[in-house]
Structures are given as C-alpha cells and as structure tokens.
Amino acid sequence: MPLKTQTSPDNPDVVVIYLSGRLDVNYSLSIEDEINKLIQQDHIKLVINLQDVEYLSSSGLRIFIATSRQLKIKNGILKLVKMPDAVKKVFMVVELLDMFEVFESNEAALASFKK
C-alpha cells in the first residue's frame, strides 16, 4: 500500500503520513481506512507528505476531504506537504486548494503546530 507513517521526533503529537504512487480508485479506500484508524486512535494532528504521489484522481481527492471532515469532528488538524505540481493542479481545478494548509517541507508544517 502506498502509505507509511512516522511520528515526529520533535513533536510526538503529530503523525506524518507519506503517500506515494497513484492515488486512485484502487488505493483510495484502503488509504482512507488507514488514516481513519489513526484518527480513531486519537492521532488528530496529521501531516500528509505528497512528494512521491504520481497521480491523483477524484477518488484520491476524497481521501483529503474525508480526512479533513473526520479531523474537524475531533478538533484535529490536517496539513499537506510537498505537493507536486500535477497534484496541485487537480486541487486547483476542483477549487479545493484553499481548503488546506500546504507547506513546502515537513519541517515547516511541523513548526506551524507550535505556533
């Protein structure tokens, strides 16, 4: 599965999720399930690193919308990092880019939790 997680050593309340490959109908539901498991375990500060995402379909977009909704229920926060141009274009076309905080690096996103 194109998902790996890592707890931030500097901020152990934050989980960094690394996604890779094609975020399409084949993987989006399983990725969403894995992220939901983290949220159910009270990991409510999430950073999703998109650096290695090659393709994003509408099914893949659902991951971010659903995660954002689940986190809102628990007063959590979602930040996106290292969004490739092709992925950013999809977010822009469907006018969802403004819905998310997007950072250039994990470090910048992690630092923003401390403010």
C-alpha atoms as a PDB file:
ATOM      1  CA  MET A   1       0.000   0.000   0.000  1.00  0.00           C
ATOM      2  CA  PRO A   2       1.307   3.472  -0.823  1.00  0.00           C
ATOM      3  CA  LEU A   3       1.149   4.735   2.780  1.00  0.00           C
ATOM      4  CA  LYS A   4       3.786   4.957   5.519  1.00  0.00           C
ATOM      5  CA  THR A   5       3.537   6.769   8.841  1.00  0.00           C
ATOM      6  CA  GLN A   6       6.070   8.295  11.170  1.00  0.00           C
ATOM      7  CA  THR A   7       5.699  10.147  14.454  1.00  0.00           C
ATOM      8  CA  SER A   8       7.595  13.394  14.538  1.00  0.00           C
ATOM      9  CA  PRO A   9      10.548  13.171  16.968  1.00  0.00           C
ATOM     10  CA  ASP A  10      10.291  16.926  17.660  1.00  0.00           C
ATOM     11  CA  ASN A  11       6.525  16.897  18.100  1.00  0.00           C
ATOM     12  CA  PRO A  12       5.272  13.418  19.136  1.00  0.00           C
ATOM     13  CA  ASP A  13       1.627  14.552  18.910  1.00  0.00           C
ATOM     14  CA  VAL A  14       1.987  14.850  15.134  1.00  0.00           C
ATOM     15  CA  VAL A  15       1.900  11.900  12.725  1.00  0.00           C
ATOM     16  CA  VAL A  16       3.461  12.369   9.300  1.00  0.00           C
ATOM     17  CA  ILE A  17       1.836  10.236   6.621  1.00  0.00           C
ATOM     18  CA  TYR A  18       3.791   9.579   3.437  1.00  0.00           C
ATOM     19  CA  LEU A  19       1.709   8.754   0.370  1.00  0.00           C
ATOM     20  CA  SER A  20       3.181   7.533  -2.897  1.00  0.00           C
ATOM     21  CA  GLY A  21       2.247   6.295  -6.339  1.00  0.00           C
ATOM     22  CA  ARG A  22      -1.216   6.617  -7.807  1.00  0.00           C
ATOM     23  CA  LEU A  23      -3.998   7.793  -5.527  1.00  0.00           C
ATOM     24  CA  ASP A  24      -6.896   6.386  -7.483  1.00  0.00           C
ATOM     25  CA  VAL A  25      -9.905   4.128  -7.013  1.00  0.00           C
ATOM     26  CA  ASN A  26      -7.610   1.113  -6.444  1.00  0.00           C
ATOM     27  CA  TYR A  27      -5.984   2.537  -3.304  1.00  0.00           C
ATOM     28  CA  SER A  28      -8.060   5.448  -2.025  1.00  0.00           C
ATOM     29  CA  LEU A  29     -10.465   3.471   0.175  1.00  0.00           C
ATOM     30  CA  SER A  30      -7.703   1.474   1.859  1.00  0.00           C
ATOM     31  CA  ILE A  31      -5.672   4.650   2.442  1.00  0.00           C
ATOM     32  CA  GLU A  32      -8.726   6.386   3.852  1.00  0.00           C
ATOM     33  CA  ASP A  33      -9.334   3.398   6.174  1.00  0.00           C
ATOM     34  CA  GLU A  34      -5.747   3.507   7.447  1.00  0.00           C
ATOM     35  CA  ILE A  35      -5.962   7.242   8.117  1.00  0.00           C
ATOM     36  CA  ASN A  36      -9.312   6.773   9.873  1.00  0.00           C
ATOM     37  CA  LYS A  37      -7.685   4.179  12.151  1.00  0.00           C
ATOM     38  CA  LEU A  38      -5.090   6.773  13.151  1.00  0.00           C
ATOM     39  CA  ILE A  39      -7.825   9.320  13.884  1.00  0.00           C
ATOM     40  CA  GLN A  40      -9.787   6.756  15.927  1.00  0.00           C
ATOM     41  CA  GLN A  41      -6.601   6.227  17.983  1.00  0.00           C
ATOM     42  CA  ASP A  42      -6.692   9.982  18.729  1.00  0.00           C
ATOM     43  CA  HIS A  43      -3.931  10.960  16.328  1.00  0.00           C
ATOM     44  CA  ILE A  44      -5.580  14.232  15.363  1.00  0.00           C
ATOM     45  CA  LYS A  45      -2.597  16.269  14.209  1.00  0.00           C
ATOM     46  CA  LEU A  46      -1.702  14.930  10.780  1.00  0.00           C
ATOM     47  CA  VAL A  47       0.748  15.968   8.092  1.00  0.00           C
ATOM     48  CA  ILE A  48       0.381  14.248   4.731  1.00  0.00           C
ATOM     49  CA  ASN A  49       3.515  14.305   2.596  1.00  0.00           C
ATOM     50  CA  LEU A  50       2.639  14.075  -1.112  1.00  0.00           C
ATOM     51  CA  GLN A  51       6.150  14.289  -2.560  1.00  0.00           C
ATOM     52  CA  ASP A  52       6.002  10.817  -4.141  1.00  0.00           C
ATOM     53  CA  VAL A  53       2.416  10.950  -5.434  1.00  0.00           C
ATOM     54  CA  GLU A  54       2.426  10.499  -9.198  1.00  0.00           C
ATOM     55  CA  TYR A  55      -1.296  10.737  -9.917  1.00  0.00           C
ATOM     56  CA  LEU A  56      -4.421  11.923  -8.117  1.00  0.00           C
ATOM     57  CA  SER A  57      -7.946  11.031  -9.234  1.00  0.00           C
ATOM     58  CA  SER A  58     -11.257  12.207  -7.829  1.00  0.00           C
ATOM     59  CA  SER A  59     -11.227   9.078  -5.639  1.00  0.00           C
ATOM     60  CA  GLY A  60      -7.862  10.192  -4.335  1.00  0.00           C
ATOM     61  CA  LEU A  61      -9.213  13.669  -3.575  1.00  0.00           C
ATOM     62  CA  ARG A  62     -11.816  12.042  -1.384  1.00  0.00           C
ATOM     63  CA  ILE A  63      -9.003  10.937   0.983  1.00  0.00           C
ATOM     64  CA  PHE A  64      -8.247  14.550   1.878  1.00  0.00           C
ATOM     65  CA  ILE A  65     -11.850  15.720   2.090  1.00  0.00           C
ATOM     66  CA  ALA A  66     -12.921  12.770   4.254  1.00  0.00           C
ATOM     67  CA  THR A  67      -9.840  13.085   6.481  1.00  0.00           C
ATOM     68  CA  SER A  68     -10.476  16.784   6.932  1.00  0.00           C
ATOM     69  CA  ARG A  69     -14.081  16.091   7.944  1.00  0.00           C
ATOM     70  CA  GLN A  70     -13.097  13.365  10.409  1.00  0.00           C
ATOM     71  CA  LEU A  71     -10.478  15.600  11.986  1.00  0.00           C
ATOM     72  CA  LYS A  72     -12.932  18.503  12.269  1.00  0.00           C
ATOM     73  CA  ILE A  73     -15.207  16.314  14.404  1.00  0.00           C
ATOM     74  CA  LYS A  74     -12.309  15.763  16.851  1.00  0.00           C
ATOM     75  CA  ASN A  75     -10.901  19.305  16.603  1.00  0.00           C
ATOM     76  CA  GLY A  76      -7.907  17.941  14.715  1.00  0.00           C
ATOM     77  CA  ILE A  77      -5.687  19.491  12.080  1.00  0.00           C
ATOM     78  CA  LEU A  78      -4.549  18.315   8.645  1.00  0.00           C
ATOM     79  CA  LYS A  79      -1.627  19.880   6.793  1.00  0.00           C
ATOM     80  CA  LEU A  80      -0.334  18.899   3.352  1.00  0.00           C
ATOM     81  CA  VAL A  81       3.338  18.941   2.399  1.00  0.00           C
ATOM     82  CA  LYS A  82       5.445  18.822  -0.769  1.00  0.00           C
ATOM     83  CA  MET A  83       2.539  18.807  -3.195  1.00  0.00           C
ATOM     84  CA  PRO A  84       3.778  18.005  -6.725  1.00  0.00           C
ATOM     85  CA  ASP A  85       2.629  20.359  -9.482  1.00  0.00           C
ATOM     86  CA  ALA A  86       0.375  17.716 -11.077  1.00  0.00           C
ATOM     87  CA  VAL A  87      -1.379  17.114  -7.746  1.00  0.00           C
ATOM     88  CA  LYS A  88      -1.628  20.844  -7.012  1.00  0.00           C
ATOM     89  CA  LYS A  89      -3.257  21.334 -10.416  1.00  0.00           C
ATOM     90  CA  VAL A  90      -6.004  18.807  -9.540  1.00  0.00           C
ATOM     91  CA  PHE A  91      -6.681  20.608  -6.242  1.00  0.00           C
ATOM     92  CA  MET A  92      -6.844  23.928  -8.104  1.00  0.00           C
ATOM     93  CA  VAL A  93      -9.163  22.663 -10.859  1.00  0.00           C
ATOM     94  CA  VAL A  94     -11.730  21.474  -8.315  1.00  0.00           C
ATOM     95  CA  GLU A  95     -11.137  24.595  -6.192  1.00  0.00           C
ATOM     96  CA  LEU A  96     -10.044  22.721  -3.056  1.00  0.00           C
ATOM     97  CA  LEU A  97      -6.572  24.158  -2.610  1.00  0.00           C
ATOM     98  CA  ASP A  98      -7.801  26.920  -0.274  1.00  0.00           C
ATOM     99  CA  MET A  99      -9.389  24.299   1.980  1.00  0.00           C
ATOM    100  CA  PHE A 100      -5.973  23.030   3.130  1.00  0.00           C
ATOM    101  CA  GLU A 101      -2.784  24.400   4.615  1.00  0.00           C
ATOM    102  CA  VAL A 102       0.020  23.470   2.204  1.00  0.00           C
ATOM    103  CA  PHE A 103       3.712  23.631   3.138  1.00  0.00           C
ATOM    104  CA  GLU A 104       6.943  23.204   1.200  1.00  0.00           C
ATOM    105  CA  SER A 105       8.578  20.951   3.814  1.00  0.00           C
ATOM    106  CA  ASN A 106       7.773  18.643   6.722  1.00  0.00           C
ATOM    107  CA  GLU A 107       9.791  20.960   8.968  1.00  0.00           C
ATOM    108  CA  ALA A 108       7.652  23.985   8.057  1.00  0.00           C
ATOM    109  CA  ALA A 109       4.422  22.067   8.642  1.00  0.00           C
ATOM    110  CA  LEU A 110       5.648  20.678  11.969  1.00  0.00           C
ATOM    111  CA  ALA A 111       6.796  24.111  13.116  1.00  0.00           C
ATOM    112  CA  SER A 112       3.339  25.522  12.324  1.00  0.00           C
ATOM    113  CA  PHE A 113       1.815  23.267  15.010  1.00  0.00           C
ATOM    114  CA  LYS A 114       3.934  25.002  17.647  1.00  0.00           C
ATOM    115  CA  LYS A 115       2.588  28.480  16.883  1.00  0.00           C
END
